[in-house]
Amino acid sequence: MREQRKRLTGVVSSDKMDKTVVVTVSVTQRHPRYGKVLRLVKKYKAHDEENTCRLGDRVQIIESRPISRHKRWSVVSILEHAE
């Protein structure tokens, strides 16, 4: 069966909470009428069970069941570490 959960890639912008990171996801898209390129930025709270993510890490997150009031995403993997 095909995996139907959404996957996003972003950068960790906050790791101050326990087992939670805030991931900032940037998407570029064209305006449908005017054609201007827009950069949309959205923040997601993601579950990080082992507290391995650090500020500036590039991570991949996946949609999951509601874990708390605002958490609906989980960290799948760390793609690259911050320097």
PDB file of N, CA and C in Angstrom:
ATOM      1  N   MET A   1       0.834  -1.178   0.000  1.00  0.00           N
ATOM      2  CA  MET A   1       0.000   0.000   0.000  1.00  0.00           C
ATOM      3  C   MET A   1       0.888   1.256   0.000  1.00  0.00           C
ATOM      4  N   ARG A   2       0.496   2.255  -0.733  1.00  0.00           N
ATOM      5  CA  ARG A   2       1.266   3.479  -0.859  1.00  0.00           C
ATOM      6  C   ARG A   2       1.184   4.310   0.421  1.00  0.00           C
ATOM      7  N   GLU A   3       2.311   4.879   0.808  1.00  0.00           N
ATOM      8  CA  GLU A   3       2.339   5.755   1.984  1.00  0.00           C
ATOM      9  C   GLU A   3       1.554   7.026   1.679  1.00  0.00           C
ATOM     10  N   GLN A   4       0.546   7.355   2.499  1.00  0.00           N
ATOM     11  CA  GLN A   4      -0.319   8.484   2.211  1.00  0.00           C
ATOM     12  C   GLN A   4      -0.077   9.680   3.124  1.00  0.00           C
ATOM     13  N   ARG A   5       0.841   9.529   4.070  1.00  0.00           N
ATOM     14  CA  ARG A   5       1.113  10.656   4.965  1.00  0.00           C
ATOM     15  C   ARG A   5       2.048  11.653   4.293  1.00  0.00           C
ATOM     16  N   LYS A   6       1.828  12.940   4.559  1.00  0.00           N
ATOM     17  CA  LYS A   6       2.645  13.986   3.953  1.00  0.00           C
ATOM     18  C   LYS A   6       4.026  14.016   4.593  1.00  0.00           C
ATOM     19  N   ARG A   7       5.031  14.357   3.786  1.00  0.00           N
ATOM     20  CA  ARG A   7       6.398  14.525   4.266  1.00  0.00           C
ATOM     21  C   ARG A   7       6.876  15.913   3.867  1.00  0.00           C
ATOM     22  N   LEU A   8       7.523  16.608   4.800  1.00  0.00           N
ATOM     23  CA  LEU A   8       8.048  17.938   4.534  1.00  0.00           C
ATOM     24  C   LEU A   8       9.499  18.006   4.990  1.00  0.00           C
ATOM     25  N   THR A   9      10.262  18.898   4.364  1.00  0.00           N
ATOM     26  CA  THR A   9      11.651  19.114   4.737  1.00  0.00           C
ATOM     27  C   THR A   9      11.809  20.561   5.183  1.00  0.00           C
ATOM     28  N   GLY A  10      12.474  20.758   6.317  1.00  0.00           N
ATOM     29  CA  GLY A  10      12.647  22.106   6.830  1.00  0.00           C
ATOM     30  C   GLY A  10      13.831  22.207   7.770  1.00  0.00           C
ATOM     31  N   VAL A  11      13.969  23.376   8.379  1.00  0.00           N
ATOM     32  CA  VAL A  11      15.083  23.666   9.277  1.00  0.00           C
ATOM     33  C   VAL A  11      14.540  23.869  10.684  1.00  0.00           C
ATOM     34  N   VAL A  12      15.239  23.318  11.672  1.00  0.00           N
ATOM     35  CA  VAL A  12      14.822  23.462  13.070  1.00  0.00           C
ATOM     36  C   VAL A  12      15.080  24.894  13.507  1.00  0.00           C
ATOM     37  N   SER A  13      14.017  25.587  13.941  1.00  0.00           N
ATOM     38  CA  SER A  13      14.160  26.973  14.371  1.00  0.00           C
ATOM     39  C   SER A  13      14.088  27.114  15.888  1.00  0.00           C
ATOM     40  N   SER A  14      13.663  26.072  16.595  1.00  0.00           N
ATOM     41  CA  SER A  14      13.649  26.104  18.059  1.00  0.00           C
ATOM     42  C   SER A  14      13.704  24.672  18.585  1.00  0.00           C
ATOM     43  N   ASP A  15      14.545  24.467  19.609  1.00  0.00           N
ATOM     44  CA  ASP A  15      14.641  23.143  20.250  1.00  0.00           C
ATOM     45  C   ASP A  15      14.590  23.279  21.767  1.00  0.00           C
ATOM     46  N   LYS A  16      13.922  24.324  22.258  1.00  0.00           N
ATOM     47  CA  LYS A  16      13.918  24.603  23.693  1.00  0.00           C
ATOM     48  C   LYS A  16      12.949  23.740  24.483  1.00  0.00           C
ATOM     49  N   MET A  17      11.968  23.120  23.813  1.00  0.00           N
ATOM     50  CA  MET A  17      10.987  22.298  24.515  1.00  0.00           C
ATOM     51  C   MET A  17      11.487  20.861  24.644  1.00  0.00           C
ATOM     52  N   ASP A  18      10.918  20.127  25.575  1.00  0.00           N
ATOM     53  CA  ASP A  18      11.291  18.735  25.766  1.00  0.00           C
ATOM     54  C   ASP A  18      10.532  17.867  24.760  1.00  0.00           C
ATOM     55  N   LYS A  19      11.280  17.096  23.964  1.00  0.00           N
ATOM     56  CA  LYS A  19      10.733  16.164  22.960  1.00  0.00           C
ATOM     57  C   LYS A  19       9.931  16.867  21.867  1.00  0.00           C
ATOM     58  N   THR A  20      10.160  18.161  21.669  1.00  0.00           N
ATOM     59  CA  THR A  20       9.459  18.915  20.638  1.00  0.00           C
ATOM     60  C   THR A  20      10.431  19.875  19.972  1.00  0.00           C
ATOM     61  N   VAL A  21      10.348  19.983  18.649  1.00  0.00           N
ATOM     62  CA  VAL A  21      11.113  20.978  17.912  1.00  0.00           C
ATOM     63  C   VAL A  21      10.158  21.754  17.019  1.00  0.00           C
ATOM     64  N   VAL A  22      10.516  22.994  16.719  1.00  0.00           N
ATOM     65  CA  VAL A  22       9.755  23.795  15.771  1.00  0.00           C
ATOM     66  C   VAL A  22      10.525  23.783  14.468  1.00  0.00           C
ATOM     67  N   VAL A  23       9.866  23.317  13.404  1.00  0.00           N
ATOM     68  CA  VAL A  23      10.500  23.192  12.094  1.00  0.00           C
ATOM     69  C   VAL A  23       9.902  24.246  11.171  1.00  0.00           C
ATOM     70  N   THR A  24      10.767  25.050  10.558  1.00  0.00           N
ATOM     71  CA  THR A  24      10.344  26.077   9.613  1.00  0.00           C
ATOM     72  C   THR A  24      10.481  25.524   8.205  1.00  0.00           C
ATOM     73  N   VAL A  25       9.368  25.502   7.475  1.00  0.00           N
ATOM     74  CA  VAL A  25       9.337  24.972   6.115  1.00  0.00           C
ATOM     75  C   VAL A  25       9.093  26.131   5.152  1.00  0.00           C
ATOM     76  N   SER A  26       9.999  26.299   4.186  1.00  0.00           N
ATOM     77  CA  SER A  26       9.862  27.346   3.168  1.00  0.00           C
ATOM     78  C   SER A  26       9.450  26.715   1.850  1.00  0.00           C
ATOM     79  N   VAL A  27       8.457  27.322   1.204  1.00  0.00           N
ATOM     80  CA  VAL A  27       7.969  26.845  -0.090  1.00  0.00           C
ATOM     81  C   VAL A  27       7.906  28.041  -1.029  1.00  0.00           C
ATOM     82  N   THR A  28       8.402  27.871  -2.255  1.00  0.00           N
ATOM     83  CA  THR A  28       8.260  28.931  -3.251  1.00  0.00           C
ATOM     84  C   THR A  28       7.192  28.513  -4.244  1.00  0.00           C
ATOM     85  N   GLN A  29       6.326  29.447  -4.577  1.00  0.00           N
ATOM     86  CA  GLN A  29       5.293  29.171  -5.568  1.00  0.00           C
ATOM     87  C   GLN A  29       4.963  30.448  -6.310  1.00  0.00           C
ATOM     88  N   ARG A  30       4.422  30.306  -7.503  1.00  0.00           N
ATOM     89  CA  ARG A  30       4.049  31.441  -8.323  1.00  0.00           C
ATOM     90  C   ARG A  30       2.626  31.875  -8.032  1.00  0.00           C
ATOM     91  N   HIS A  31       2.404  33.181  -8.021  1.00  0.00           N
ATOM     92  CA  HIS A  31       1.053  33.693  -7.862  1.00  0.00           C
ATOM     93  C   HIS A  31       0.247  33.301  -9.090  1.00  0.00           C
ATOM     94  N   PRO A  32      -0.983  32.783  -8.903  1.00  0.00           N
ATOM     95  CA  PRO A  32      -1.738  32.259 -10.045  1.00  0.00           C
ATOM     96  C   PRO A  32      -2.075  33.304 -11.113  1.00  0.00           C
ATOM     97  N   ARG A  33      -2.307  34.523 -10.717  1.00  0.00           N
ATOM     98  CA  ARG A  33      -2.689  35.532 -11.706  1.00  0.00           C
ATOM     99  C   ARG A  33      -1.500  36.394 -12.156  1.00  0.00           C
ATOM    100  N   TYR A  34      -0.709  36.870 -11.205  1.00  0.00           N
ATOM    101  CA  TYR A  34       0.317  37.852 -11.536  1.00  0.00           C
ATOM    102  C   TYR A  34       1.682  37.254 -11.833  1.00  0.00           C
ATOM    103  N   GLY A  35       1.887  35.996 -11.486  1.00  0.00           N
ATOM    104  CA  GLY A  35       3.135  35.332 -11.843  1.00  0.00           C
ATOM    105  C   GLY A  35       4.318  35.642 -10.953  1.00  0.00           C
ATOM    106  N   LYS A  36       4.126  36.471  -9.940  1.00  0.00           N
ATOM    107  CA  LYS A  36       5.234  36.794  -9.044  1.00  0.00           C
ATOM    108  C   LYS A  36       5.582  35.571  -8.196  1.00  0.00           C
ATOM    109  N   VAL A  37       6.885  35.356  -7.980  1.00  0.00           N
ATOM    110  CA  VAL A  37       7.329  34.232  -7.164  1.00  0.00           C
ATOM    111  C   VAL A  37       7.220  34.626  -5.696  1.00  0.00           C
ATOM    112  N   LEU A  38       6.462  33.842  -4.934  1.00  0.00           N
ATOM    113  CA  LEU A  38       6.252  34.106  -3.515  1.00  0.00           C
ATOM    114  C   LEU A  38       6.975  33.054  -2.688  1.00  0.00           C
ATOM    115  N   ARG A  39       7.562  33.473  -1.575  1.00  0.00           N
ATOM    116  CA  ARG A  39       8.202  32.540  -0.653  1.00  0.00           C
ATOM    117  C   ARG A  39       7.324  32.443   0.582  1.00  0.00           C
ATOM    118  N   LEU A  40       6.677  31.308   0.771  1.00  0.00           N
ATOM    119  CA  LEU A  40       5.788  31.093   1.905  1.00  0.00           C
ATOM    120  C   LEU A  40       6.552  30.348   2.992  1.00  0.00           C
ATOM    121  N   VAL A  41       6.425  30.815   4.229  1.00  0.00           N
ATOM    122  CA  VAL A  41       7.120  30.195   5.358  1.00  0.00           C
ATOM    123  C   VAL A  41       6.069  29.772   6.372  1.00  0.00           C
ATOM    124  N   LYS A  42       6.155  28.513   6.819  1.00  0.00           N
ATOM    125  CA  LYS A  42       5.222  28.009   7.815  1.00  0.00           C
ATOM    126  C   LYS A  42       5.995  27.229   8.870  1.00  0.00           C
ATOM    127  N   LYS A  43       5.541  27.328  10.113  1.00  0.00           N
ATOM    128  CA  LYS A  43       6.205  26.638  11.221  1.00  0.00           C
ATOM    129  C   LYS A  43       5.347  25.480  11.703  1.00  0.00           C
ATOM    130  N   TYR A  44       5.979  24.338  11.946  1.00  0.00           N
ATOM    131  CA  TYR A  44       5.304  23.149  12.441  1.00  0.00           C
ATOM    132  C   TYR A  44       5.996  22.691  13.714  1.00  0.00           C
ATOM    133  N   LYS A  45       5.199  22.279  14.703  1.00  0.00           N
ATOM    134  CA  LYS A  45       5.763  21.651  15.898  1.00  0.00           C
ATOM    135  C   LYS A  45       5.817  20.146  15.637  1.00  0.00           C
ATOM    136  N   ALA A  46       6.988  19.562  15.830  1.00  0.00           N
ATOM    137  CA  ALA A  46       7.186  18.147  15.523  1.00  0.00           C
ATOM    138  C   ALA A  46       7.726  17.414  16.744  1.00  0.00           C
ATOM    139  N   HIS A  47       7.346  16.153  16.861  1.00  0.00           N
ATOM    140  CA  HIS A  47       7.758  15.308  17.984  1.00  0.00           C
ATOM    141  C   HIS A  47       9.151  14.752  17.714  1.00  0.00           C
ATOM    142  N   ASP A  48      10.047  14.920  18.693  1.00  0.00           N
ATOM    143  CA  ASP A  48      11.420  14.417  18.619  1.00  0.00           C
ATOM    144  C   ASP A  48      11.677  13.606  19.877  1.00  0.00           C
ATOM    145  N   GLU A  49      11.465  12.308  19.793  1.00  0.00           N
ATOM    146  CA  GLU A  49      11.456  11.437  20.976  1.00  0.00           C
ATOM    147  C   GLU A  49      12.780  11.455  21.742  1.00  0.00           C
ATOM    148  N   GLU A  50      13.927  11.402  21.050  1.00  0.00           N
ATOM    149  CA  GLU A  50      15.220  11.308  21.738  1.00  0.00           C
ATOM    150  C   GLU A  50      15.905  12.656  21.941  1.00  0.00           C
ATOM    151  N   ASN A  51      15.260  13.762  21.597  1.00  0.00           N
ATOM    152  CA  ASN A  51      15.858  15.099  21.692  1.00  0.00           C
ATOM    153  C   ASN A  51      17.191  15.183  20.951  1.00  0.00           C
ATOM    154  N   THR A  52      17.252  14.629  19.736  1.00  0.00           N
ATOM    155  CA  THR A  52      18.491  14.618  18.965  1.00  0.00           C
ATOM    156  C   THR A  52      18.645  15.837  18.059  1.00  0.00           C
ATOM    157  N   CYS A  53      17.560  16.503  17.721  1.00  0.00           N
ATOM    158  CA  CYS A  53      17.621  17.657  16.813  1.00  0.00           C
ATOM    159  C   CYS A  53      18.166  18.871  17.538  1.00  0.00           C
ATOM    160  N   ARG A  54      18.993  19.636  16.821  1.00  0.00           N
ATOM    161  CA  ARG A  54      19.553  20.868  17.351  1.00  0.00           C
ATOM    162  C   ARG A  54      19.172  22.032  16.446  1.00  0.00           C
ATOM    163  N   LEU A  55      19.343  23.232  16.934  1.00  0.00           N
ATOM    164  CA  LEU A  55      19.014  24.448  16.203  1.00  0.00           C
ATOM    165  C   LEU A  55      19.802  24.503  14.888  1.00  0.00           C
ATOM    166  N   GLY A  56      19.100  24.700  13.775  1.00  0.00           N
ATOM    167  CA  GLY A  56      19.741  24.809  12.472  1.00  0.00           C
ATOM    168  C   GLY A  56      19.838  23.509  11.695  1.00  0.00           C
ATOM    169  N   ASP A  57      19.474  22.381  12.292  1.00  0.00           N
ATOM    170  CA  ASP A  57      19.514  21.099  11.581  1.00  0.00           C
ATOM    171  C   ASP A  57      18.456  21.070  10.481  1.00  0.00           C
ATOM    172  N   ARG A  58      18.789  20.433   9.360  1.00  0.00           N
ATOM    173  CA  ARG A  58      17.810  20.224   8.293  1.00  0.00           C
ATOM    174  C   ARG A  58      17.184  18.853   8.533  1.00  0.00           C
ATOM    175  N   VAL A  59      15.847  18.806   8.702  1.00  0.00           N
ATOM    176  CA  VAL A  59      15.166  17.573   9.073  1.00  0.00           C
ATOM    177  C   VAL A  59      14.009  17.280   8.125  1.00  0.00           C
ATOM    178  N   GLN A  60      13.593  16.025   8.133  1.00  0.00           N
ATOM    179  CA  GLN A  60      12.400  15.619   7.397  1.00  0.00           C
ATOM    180  C   GLN A  60      11.348  15.212   8.420  1.00  0.00           C
ATOM    181  N   ILE A  61      10.119  15.760   8.259  1.00  0.00           N
ATOM    182  CA  ILE A  61       9.039  15.453   9.191  1.00  0.00           C
ATOM    183  C   ILE A  61       7.909  14.770   8.430  1.00  0.00           C
ATOM    184  N   ILE A  62       7.121  13.977   9.169  1.00  0.00           N
ATOM    185  CA  ILE A  62       6.017  13.235   8.575  1.00  0.00           C
ATOM    186  C   ILE A  62       4.759  13.491   9.390  1.00  0.00           C
ATOM    187  N   GLU A  63       3.642  13.515   8.712  1.00  0.00           N
ATOM    188  CA  GLU A  63       2.344  13.712   9.352  1.00  0.00           C
ATOM    189  C   GLU A  63       2.046  12.525  10.274  1.00  0.00           C
ATOM    190  N   SER A  64       1.474  12.798  11.451  1.00  0.00           N
ATOM    191  CA  SER A  64       1.156  11.710  12.379  1.00  0.00           C
ATOM    192  C   SER A  64      -0.130  12.024  13.121  1.00  0.00           C
ATOM    193  N   ARG A  65      -0.513  11.137  13.999  1.00  0.00           N
ATOM    194  CA  ARG A  65      -1.706  11.357  14.802  1.00  0.00           C
ATOM    195  C   ARG A  65      -1.457  12.521  15.748  1.00  0.00           C
ATOM    196  N   PRO A  66      -2.504  13.150  16.277  1.00  0.00           N
ATOM    197  CA  PRO A  66      -2.287  14.242  17.227  1.00  0.00           C
ATOM    198  C   PRO A  66      -1.583  13.750  18.488  1.00  0.00           C
ATOM    199  N   ILE A  67      -0.449  14.364  18.807  1.00  0.00           N
ATOM    200  CA  ILE A  67       0.340  13.977  19.970  1.00  0.00           C
ATOM    201  C   ILE A  67       0.028  14.891  21.141  1.00  0.00           C
ATOM    202  N   SER A  68      -0.206  16.170  20.860  1.00  0.00           N
ATOM    203  CA  SER A  68      -0.626  17.125  21.873  1.00  0.00           C
ATOM    204  C   SER A  68      -1.504  18.168  21.190  1.00  0.00           C
ATOM    205  N   ARG A  69      -1.732  19.277  21.862  1.00  0.00           N
ATOM    206  CA  ARG A  69      -2.637  20.290  21.316  1.00  0.00           C
ATOM    207  C   ARG A  69      -2.169  20.830  19.964  1.00  0.00           C
ATOM    208  N   HIS A  70      -0.866  21.040  19.812  1.00  0.00           N
ATOM    209  CA  HIS A  70      -0.349  21.626  18.578  1.00  0.00           C
ATOM    210  C   HIS A  70       0.514  20.680  17.753  1.00  0.00           C
ATOM    211  N   LYS A  71       0.903  19.543  18.299  1.00  0.00           N
ATOM    212  CA  LYS A  71       1.815  18.638  17.594  1.00  0.00           C
ATOM    213  C   LYS A  71       1.052  17.619  16.760  1.00  0.00           C
ATOM    214  N   ARG A  72       1.263  17.668  15.435  1.00  0.00           N
ATOM    215  CA  ARG A  72       0.687  16.679  14.526  1.00  0.00           C
ATOM    216  C   ARG A  72       1.721  16.132  13.563  1.00  0.00           C
ATOM    217  N   TRP A  73       3.014  16.361  13.842  1.00  0.00           N
ATOM    218  CA  TRP A  73       4.099  15.936  12.983  1.00  0.00           C
ATOM    219  C   TRP A  73       5.168  15.247  13.825  1.00  0.00           C
ATOM    220  N   SER A  74       5.950  14.364  13.201  1.00  0.00           N
ATOM    221  CA  SER A  74       7.049  13.680  13.869  1.00  0.00           C
ATOM    222  C   SER A  74       8.300  13.789  13.013  1.00  0.00           C
ATOM    223  N   VAL A  75       9.450  13.858  13.672  1.00  0.00           N
ATOM    224  CA  VAL A  75      10.720  13.914  12.942  1.00  0.00           C
ATOM    225  C   VAL A  75      11.076  12.507  12.483  1.00  0.00           C
ATOM    226  N   VAL A  76      11.318  12.370  11.165  1.00  0.00           N
ATOM    227  CA  VAL A  76      11.695  11.074  10.602  1.00  0.00           C
ATOM    228  C   VAL A  76      13.201  10.926  10.616  1.00  0.00           C
ATOM    229  N   SER A  77      13.910  11.917  10.098  1.00  0.00           N
ATOM    230  CA  SER A  77      15.357  11.826  10.016  1.00  0.00           C
ATOM    231  C   SER A  77      15.983  13.207   9.998  1.00  0.00           C
ATOM    232  N   ILE A  78      17.255  13.254  10.390  1.00  0.00           N
ATOM    233  CA  ILE A  78      18.047  14.478  10.302  1.00  0.00           C
ATOM    234  C   ILE A  78      18.858  14.377   9.025  1.00  0.00           C
ATOM    235  N   LEU A  79      18.602  15.256   8.073  1.00  0.00           N
ATOM    236  CA  LEU A  79      19.275  15.196   6.776  1.00  0.00           C
ATOM    237  C   LEU A  79      20.679  15.777   6.848  1.00  0.00           C
ATOM    238  N   GLU A  80      20.857  16.875   7.554  1.00  0.00           N
ATOM    239  CA  GLU A  80      22.203  17.414   7.766  1.00  0.00           C
ATOM    240  C   GLU A  80      22.226  18.204   9.066  1.00  0.00           C
ATOM    241  N   HIS A  81      23.363  18.109   9.764  1.00  0.00           N
ATOM    242  CA  HIS A  81      23.524  18.787  11.039  1.00  0.00           C
ATOM    243  C   HIS A  81      24.023  20.205  10.833  1.00  0.00           C
ATOM    244  N   ALA A  82      23.671  21.093  11.741  1.00  0.00           N
ATOM    245  CA  ALA A  82      24.160  22.476  11.707  1.00  0.00           C
ATOM    246  C   ALA A  82      25.608  22.508  12.171  1.00  0.00           C
ATOM    247  N   GLU A  83      26.318  23.510  11.735  1.00  0.00           N
ATOM    248  CA  GLU A  83      27.724  23.634  12.132  1.00  0.00           C
ATOM    249  C   GLU A  83      27.865  24.391  13.430  1.00  0.00           C
TER     250      GLU A  83
END
